[in-house]
Amino acid sequence: MGPGSRLGRDVVRGHGVDDWYDVDTGDSEALAALVRREHVDAAVCVLDRSFATALEAIGCPVVFVDSLPFLWTRDDTASLPLRASASCAQLCLSLPAPAWPVMAQVDNLRWVEAVVLRLRPARGPRSVRPVSAPPW
């Protein structure tokens, strides 16, 4: 089952999610009813802050995944699911100073490798030619 916004759908498409639901995250009763009806024990929320927060608020454990935590600033704090059961943030080369205070508030933070889609099968090992002296 895949409720929530359309933001993360392409990331999880093809990984066992067949049915999608558009859910008003402000309607906790309807959300709780959907969780009960679909027998949801836990959720993975990709990019959807409000959905992750709404699920945690009704007692459904959430793994929140965000690929852009380096853009977070204090202005984002109120909208982030800081208390998610697990928060996965994509590693970046350098975390900008404005993001540090926000990241310090995230409970259960896990840094993860790049969140990317495989558009085609991975290539096999490449042949490597030894470096030789130039022909001139």
N, C-alpha and C. Protein backbone atom coordinates (compact mmCIF):
# COMPACT_ATOMS: atom_id res chain seq x y z
N MET A 1 0.84 -1.17 0.00
CA MET A 1 0.00 0.00 0.00
C MET A 1 0.89 1.24 0.00
N GLY A 2 0.56 2.22 -0.76
CA GLY A 2 1.32 3.45 -0.83
C GLY A 2 0.45 4.67 -0.65
N PRO A 3 0.24 5.10 0.57
CA PRO A 3 -0.52 6.35 0.77
C PRO A 3 0.41 7.56 0.74
N GLY A 4 -0.19 8.72 0.86
CA GLY A 4 0.62 9.94 0.92
C GLY A 4 0.67 10.66 -0.40
N SER A 5 1.58 11.61 -0.47
CA SER A 5 1.68 12.44 -1.68
C SER A 5 2.39 11.68 -2.79
N ARG A 6 2.50 12.31 -3.91
CA ARG A 6 3.13 11.69 -5.07
C ARG A 6 4.65 11.89 -5.07
N LEU A 7 5.20 12.61 -4.10
CA LEU A 7 6.62 12.94 -4.09
C LEU A 7 7.54 11.72 -4.15
N GLY A 8 7.29 10.72 -3.33
CA GLY A 8 8.19 9.58 -3.27
C GLY A 8 7.79 8.38 -4.07
N ARG A 9 6.73 8.47 -4.83
CA ARG A 9 6.21 7.30 -5.53
C ARG A 9 7.20 6.70 -6.51
N ASP A 10 7.91 7.52 -7.25
CA ASP A 10 8.87 6.99 -8.21
C ASP A 10 10.01 6.24 -7.52
N VAL A 11 10.33 6.63 -6.29
CA VAL A 11 11.42 5.99 -5.57
C VAL A 11 11.05 4.56 -5.17
N VAL A 12 9.80 4.33 -4.78
CA VAL A 12 9.40 3.01 -4.30
C VAL A 12 8.63 2.19 -5.34
N ARG A 13 8.35 2.77 -6.48
CA ARG A 13 7.64 2.04 -7.54
C ARG A 13 8.47 0.81 -7.92
N GLY A 14 7.79 -0.32 -8.06
CA GLY A 14 8.49 -1.54 -8.42
C GLY A 14 9.07 -2.29 -7.23
N HIS A 15 8.75 -1.84 -6.02
CA HIS A 15 9.26 -2.49 -4.82
C HIS A 15 8.11 -2.98 -3.95
N GLY A 16 7.11 -3.57 -4.57
CA GLY A 16 6.02 -4.18 -3.83
C GLY A 16 4.86 -3.26 -3.49
N VAL A 17 4.88 -2.03 -3.97
CA VAL A 17 3.76 -1.12 -3.71
C VAL A 17 2.88 -1.10 -4.95
N ASP A 18 1.68 -1.64 -4.79
CA ASP A 18 0.78 -1.76 -5.94
C ASP A 18 -0.42 -0.82 -5.87
N ASP A 19 -0.90 -0.55 -4.65
CA ASP A 19 -2.08 0.29 -4.48
C ASP A 19 -1.69 1.61 -3.83
N TRP A 20 -2.16 2.71 -4.41
CA TRP A 20 -1.83 4.04 -3.91
C TRP A 20 -3.10 4.71 -3.38
N TYR A 21 -2.96 5.45 -2.28
CA TYR A 21 -4.07 6.17 -1.69
C TYR A 21 -3.67 7.62 -1.48
N ASP A 22 -4.54 8.53 -1.87
CA ASP A 22 -4.35 9.93 -1.54
C ASP A 22 -5.05 10.15 -0.20
N VAL A 23 -4.30 10.59 0.79
CA VAL A 23 -4.81 10.71 2.15
C VAL A 23 -4.58 12.12 2.65
N ASP A 24 -5.59 12.69 3.29
CA ASP A 24 -5.46 14.00 3.92
C ASP A 24 -4.74 13.79 5.25
N THR A 25 -3.51 14.26 5.36
CA THR A 25 -2.73 14.05 6.58
C THR A 25 -3.31 14.81 7.77
N GLY A 26 -4.19 15.76 7.52
CA GLY A 26 -4.83 16.49 8.61
C GLY A 26 -6.02 15.75 9.22
N ASP A 27 -6.46 14.68 8.58
CA ASP A 27 -7.60 13.90 9.06
C ASP A 27 -7.07 12.64 9.74
N SER A 28 -6.72 12.76 11.02
CA SER A 28 -6.09 11.64 11.73
C SER A 28 -7.03 10.43 11.85
N GLU A 29 -8.34 10.66 11.94
CA GLU A 29 -9.29 9.54 12.03
C GLU A 29 -9.30 8.73 10.74
N ALA A 30 -9.33 9.41 9.60
CA ALA A 30 -9.33 8.71 8.32
C ALA A 30 -8.00 7.99 8.11
N LEU A 31 -6.91 8.63 8.51
CA LEU A 31 -5.60 8.01 8.37
C LEU A 31 -5.49 6.77 9.26
N ALA A 32 -5.95 6.87 10.50
CA ALA A 32 -5.93 5.72 11.41
C ALA A 32 -6.80 4.59 10.88
N ALA A 33 -7.95 4.92 10.29
CA ALA A 33 -8.83 3.90 9.73
C ALA A 33 -8.15 3.17 8.57
N LEU A 34 -7.46 3.92 7.72
CA LEU A 34 -6.74 3.31 6.60
C LEU A 34 -5.63 2.39 7.11
N VAL A 35 -4.89 2.84 8.10
CA VAL A 35 -3.81 2.04 8.68
C VAL A 35 -4.36 0.74 9.26
N ARG A 36 -5.48 0.82 9.96
CA ARG A 36 -6.12 -0.39 10.52
C ARG A 36 -6.63 -1.31 9.41
N ARG A 37 -7.32 -0.72 8.45
CA ARG A 37 -7.92 -1.53 7.36
C ARG A 37 -6.86 -2.27 6.56
N GLU A 38 -5.72 -1.63 6.34
CA GLU A 38 -4.66 -2.23 5.54
C GLU A 38 -3.64 -3.01 6.38
N HIS A 39 -3.89 -3.09 7.69
CA HIS A 39 -3.01 -3.83 8.61
C HIS A 39 -1.56 -3.36 8.52
N VAL A 40 -1.37 -2.05 8.60
CA VAL A 40 -0.04 -1.45 8.51
C VAL A 40 0.62 -1.51 9.89
N ASP A 41 1.78 -2.15 9.96
CA ASP A 41 2.54 -2.23 11.20
C ASP A 41 3.58 -1.13 11.30
N ALA A 42 4.09 -0.69 10.15
CA ALA A 42 5.11 0.36 10.09
C ALA A 42 5.09 0.93 8.67
N ALA A 43 5.69 2.10 8.50
CA ALA A 43 5.66 2.76 7.19
C ALA A 43 7.03 3.30 6.83
N VAL A 44 7.28 3.39 5.54
CA VAL A 44 8.44 4.08 4.99
C VAL A 44 7.89 5.30 4.26
N CYS A 45 8.31 6.47 4.68
CA CYS A 45 7.86 7.71 4.04
C CYS A 45 9.05 8.34 3.33
N VAL A 46 8.94 8.47 2.02
CA VAL A 46 10.01 9.03 1.21
C VAL A 46 9.66 10.46 0.87
N LEU A 47 10.41 11.39 1.42
CA LEU A 47 10.30 12.83 1.14
C LEU A 47 9.06 13.51 1.71
N ASP A 48 8.09 12.76 2.19
CA ASP A 48 6.82 13.35 2.61
C ASP A 48 6.81 13.61 4.12
N ARG A 49 7.23 14.81 4.48
CA ARG A 49 7.35 15.20 5.89
C ARG A 49 6.03 15.13 6.63
N SER A 50 4.99 15.71 6.06
CA SER A 50 3.71 15.79 6.76
C SER A 50 3.10 14.40 6.94
N PHE A 51 3.28 13.53 5.97
CA PHE A 51 2.73 12.19 6.10
C PHE A 51 3.47 11.41 7.20
N ALA A 52 4.78 11.54 7.24
CA ALA A 52 5.56 10.86 8.28
C ALA A 52 5.14 11.34 9.67
N THR A 53 4.98 12.64 9.82
CA THR A 53 4.57 13.22 11.11
C THR A 53 3.17 12.76 11.49
N ALA A 54 2.25 12.73 10.53
CA ALA A 54 0.87 12.31 10.80
C ALA A 54 0.81 10.84 11.21
N LEU A 55 1.59 9.99 10.56
CA LEU A 55 1.61 8.57 10.93
C LEU A 55 2.16 8.36 12.34
N GLU A 56 3.25 9.03 12.65
CA GLU A 56 3.82 8.90 14.00
C GLU A 56 2.81 9.38 15.04
N ALA A 57 2.06 10.43 14.71
CA ALA A 57 1.08 10.98 15.66
C ALA A 57 -0.04 10.01 15.99
N ILE A 58 -0.37 9.09 15.05
CA ILE A 58 -1.41 8.10 15.34
C ILE A 58 -0.81 6.79 15.84
N GLY A 59 0.50 6.78 16.09
CA GLY A 59 1.14 5.61 16.68
C GLY A 59 1.70 4.60 15.71
N CYS A 60 1.80 4.95 14.44
CA CYS A 60 2.38 4.05 13.45
C CYS A 60 3.86 4.38 13.29
N PRO A 61 4.76 3.44 13.59
CA PRO A 61 6.19 3.71 13.44
C PRO A 61 6.55 4.05 11.99
N VAL A 62 7.48 4.99 11.83
CA VAL A 62 7.84 5.49 10.51
C VAL A 62 9.36 5.51 10.33
N VAL A 63 9.78 5.08 9.14
CA VAL A 63 11.14 5.33 8.67
C VAL A 63 10.99 6.46 7.66
N PHE A 64 11.55 7.62 7.99
CA PHE A 64 11.47 8.78 7.10
C PHE A 64 12.76 8.87 6.30
N VAL A 65 12.64 9.02 4.98
CA VAL A 65 13.79 9.10 4.09
C VAL A 65 13.78 10.44 3.38
N ASP A 66 14.90 11.17 3.49
CA ASP A 66 15.02 12.46 2.81
C ASP A 66 16.37 12.52 2.12
N SER A 67 16.36 12.88 0.85
CA SER A 67 17.60 12.95 0.09
C SER A 67 18.22 14.34 0.09
N LEU A 68 17.58 15.31 0.74
CA LEU A 68 18.09 16.68 0.69
C LEU A 68 18.28 17.32 2.08
N PRO A 69 18.78 16.60 3.08
CA PRO A 69 18.87 17.19 4.41
C PRO A 69 19.85 18.36 4.48
N PHE A 70 20.76 18.45 3.53
CA PHE A 70 21.71 19.55 3.52
C PHE A 70 21.03 20.89 3.23
N LEU A 71 19.78 20.85 2.79
CA LEU A 71 19.03 22.08 2.54
C LEU A 71 18.21 22.53 3.74
N TRP A 72 18.13 21.69 4.78
CA TRP A 72 17.32 22.02 5.94
C TRP A 72 17.90 23.20 6.71
N THR A 73 17.02 24.06 7.17
CA THR A 73 17.41 25.19 8.02
C THR A 73 16.44 25.26 9.19
N ARG A 74 16.67 26.18 10.08
CA ARG A 74 15.76 26.34 11.23
C ARG A 74 14.32 26.59 10.79
N ASP A 75 14.15 27.22 9.64
CA ASP A 75 12.79 27.47 9.14
C ASP A 75 12.04 26.18 8.82
N ASP A 76 12.77 25.08 8.61
CA ASP A 76 12.14 23.79 8.29
C ASP A 76 11.78 22.98 9.53
N THR A 77 12.30 23.34 10.68
CA THR A 77 12.18 22.53 11.88
C THR A 77 10.74 22.13 12.20
N ALA A 78 9.81 23.05 12.12
CA ALA A 78 8.41 22.76 12.48
C ALA A 78 7.78 21.72 11.55
N SER A 79 8.25 21.62 10.31
CA SER A 79 7.63 20.70 9.36
C SER A 79 8.31 19.34 9.28
N LEU A 80 9.42 19.17 9.97
CA LEU A 80 10.16 17.91 9.88
C LEU A 80 9.69 16.88 10.90
N PRO A 81 9.69 15.61 10.52
CA PRO A 81 9.33 14.55 11.47
C PRO A 81 10.54 14.22 12.37
N LEU A 82 10.87 15.11 13.27
CA LEU A 82 12.07 14.99 14.09
C LEU A 82 12.03 13.77 15.00
N ARG A 83 10.85 13.28 15.32
CA ARG A 83 10.70 12.15 16.25
C ARG A 83 10.31 10.86 15.55
N ALA A 84 10.56 10.75 14.25
CA ALA A 84 10.25 9.51 13.53
C ALA A 84 11.01 8.35 14.16
N SER A 85 10.48 7.16 14.01
CA SER A 85 11.14 5.97 14.57
C SER A 85 12.55 5.81 14.03
N ALA A 86 12.75 6.19 12.78
CA ALA A 86 14.08 6.24 12.17
C ALA A 86 14.05 7.31 11.08
N SER A 87 15.10 8.10 10.99
CA SER A 87 15.22 9.10 9.94
C SER A 87 16.47 8.81 9.14
N CYS A 88 16.30 8.59 7.85
CA CYS A 88 17.42 8.31 6.96
C CYS A 88 17.69 9.56 6.14
N ALA A 89 18.90 10.07 6.28
CA ALA A 89 19.29 11.27 5.54
C ALA A 89 20.43 10.91 4.60
N GLN A 90 20.33 11.34 3.37
CA GLN A 90 21.35 11.03 2.39
C GLN A 90 22.65 11.74 2.72
N LEU A 91 23.74 10.98 2.71
CA LEU A 91 25.06 11.56 2.95
C LEU A 91 25.36 12.63 1.91
N CYS A 92 26.07 13.66 2.34
CA CYS A 92 26.50 14.69 1.41
C CYS A 92 27.96 15.00 1.71
N LEU A 93 28.62 15.60 0.77
CA LEU A 93 30.05 15.88 0.95
C LEU A 93 30.31 16.83 2.10
N SER A 94 29.46 17.80 2.25
CA SER A 94 29.65 18.80 3.29
C SER A 94 28.28 19.27 3.76
N LEU A 95 28.08 19.25 5.06
CA LEU A 95 26.80 19.71 5.61
C LEU A 95 26.92 21.20 5.91
N PRO A 96 26.16 22.05 5.22
CA PRO A 96 26.24 23.49 5.44
C PRO A 96 25.90 23.87 6.88
N ALA A 97 26.48 24.92 7.36
CA ALA A 97 26.30 25.37 8.74
C ALA A 97 24.82 25.53 9.14
N PRO A 98 23.94 26.09 8.28
CA PRO A 98 22.54 26.23 8.69
C PRO A 98 21.84 24.89 8.95
N ALA A 99 22.34 23.80 8.39
CA ALA A 99 21.70 22.50 8.57
C ALA A 99 22.10 21.83 9.89
N TRP A 100 23.23 22.17 10.45
CA TRP A 100 23.71 21.51 11.67
C TRP A 100 22.73 21.58 12.83
N PRO A 101 22.21 22.75 13.20
CA PRO A 101 21.29 22.80 14.34
C PRO A 101 20.03 21.96 14.13
N VAL A 102 19.58 21.87 12.89
CA VAL A 102 18.39 21.08 12.59
C VAL A 102 18.72 19.60 12.71
N MET A 103 19.80 19.17 12.10
CA MET A 103 20.17 17.76 12.14
C MET A 103 20.41 17.29 13.57
N ALA A 104 20.89 18.17 14.42
CA ALA A 104 21.14 17.82 15.82
C ALA A 104 19.85 17.50 16.58
N GLN A 105 18.71 17.96 16.07
CA GLN A 105 17.42 17.72 16.72
C GLN A 105 16.73 16.43 16.27
N VAL A 106 17.26 15.79 15.23
CA VAL A 106 16.61 14.61 14.66
C VAL A 106 16.92 13.38 15.52
N ASP A 107 15.87 12.77 16.07
CA ASP A 107 16.03 11.53 16.82
C ASP A 107 16.28 10.38 15.83
N ASN A 108 17.05 9.41 16.25
CA ASN A 108 17.24 8.18 15.48
C ASN A 108 17.72 8.43 14.04
N LEU A 109 18.67 9.34 13.90
CA LEU A 109 19.21 9.69 12.59
C LEU A 109 20.15 8.61 12.08
N ARG A 110 19.97 8.25 10.82
CA ARG A 110 20.84 7.30 10.14
C ARG A 110 21.28 7.96 8.84
N TRP A 111 22.58 8.05 8.62
CA TRP A 111 23.09 8.56 7.36
C TRP A 111 23.11 7.40 6.38
N VAL A 112 22.60 7.61 5.17
CA VAL A 112 22.52 6.54 4.17
C VAL A 112 23.19 6.98 2.88
N GLU A 113 23.52 6.00 2.07
CA GLU A 113 24.09 6.27 0.75
C GLU A 113 23.05 6.97 -0.12
N ALA A 114 23.45 7.35 -1.31
CA ALA A 114 22.58 8.08 -2.23
C ALA A 114 21.27 7.34 -2.47
N VAL A 115 20.20 8.10 -2.48
CA VAL A 115 18.87 7.57 -2.77
C VAL A 115 18.63 7.82 -4.25
N VAL A 116 18.79 6.78 -5.05
CA VAL A 116 18.69 6.92 -6.50
C VAL A 116 17.85 5.81 -7.09
N LEU A 117 17.35 6.06 -8.27
CA LEU A 117 16.61 5.05 -9.02
C LEU A 117 17.57 4.36 -9.98
N ARG A 118 17.44 3.07 -10.09
CA ARG A 118 18.19 2.33 -11.12
C ARG A 118 17.31 2.31 -12.36
N LEU A 119 17.70 3.04 -13.36
CA LEU A 119 16.90 3.11 -14.57
C LEU A 119 17.19 1.96 -15.52
N ARG A 120 18.36 1.37 -15.39
CA ARG A 120 18.73 0.22 -16.22
C ARG A 120 19.60 -0.69 -15.38
N PRO A 121 19.71 -1.93 -15.78
CA PRO A 121 20.53 -2.85 -15.00
C PRO A 121 21.97 -2.37 -14.91
N ALA A 122 22.58 -2.67 -13.78
CA ALA A 122 23.98 -2.29 -13.59
C ALA A 122 24.85 -3.03 -14.60
N ARG A 123 25.87 -2.37 -15.07
CA ARG A 123 26.80 -3.00 -16.01
C ARG A 123 27.69 -3.98 -15.26
N GLY A 124 28.16 -4.95 -16.00
CA GLY A 124 29.13 -5.90 -15.44
C GLY A 124 30.47 -5.20 -15.29
N PRO A 125 31.47 -5.93 -14.79
CA PRO A 125 32.78 -5.31 -14.63
C PRO A 125 33.34 -4.84 -15.97
N ARG A 126 33.94 -3.69 -15.95
CA ARG A 126 34.55 -3.15 -17.17
C ARG A 126 35.93 -3.75 -17.36
N SER A 127 36.32 -3.84 -18.59
CA SER A 127 37.70 -4.28 -18.83
C SER A 127 38.60 -3.06 -18.62
N VAL A 128 39.71 -3.31 -18.00
CA VAL A 128 40.65 -2.22 -17.72
C VAL A 128 41.92 -2.49 -18.49
N ARG A 129 42.34 -1.52 -19.30
CA ARG A 129 43.57 -1.66 -20.05
C ARG A 129 44.71 -1.02 -19.28
N PRO A 130 45.87 -1.64 -19.28
CA PRO A 130 46.99 -1.02 -18.57
C PRO A 130 47.41 0.26 -19.26
N VAL A 131 47.88 1.18 -18.46
CA VAL A 131 48.36 2.45 -19.00
C VAL A 131 49.73 2.19 -19.62
N SER A 132 49.89 2.64 -20.84
CA SER A 132 51.19 2.46 -21.51
C SER A 132 51.71 3.83 -21.92
N ALA A 133 52.94 3.83 -22.30
CA ALA A 133 53.56 5.09 -22.73
C ALA A 133 52.88 5.54 -24.03
N PRO A 134 52.75 6.85 -24.21
CA PRO A 134 52.15 7.32 -25.44
C PRO A 134 52.99 6.89 -26.65
N PRO A 135 52.33 6.72 -27.80
CA PRO A 135 53.05 6.21 -28.98
C PRO A 135 54.03 7.20 -29.59
N TRP A 136 54.08 8.42 -29.16
CA TRP A 136 54.98 9.38 -29.79
C TRP A 136 56.31 9.44 -29.14
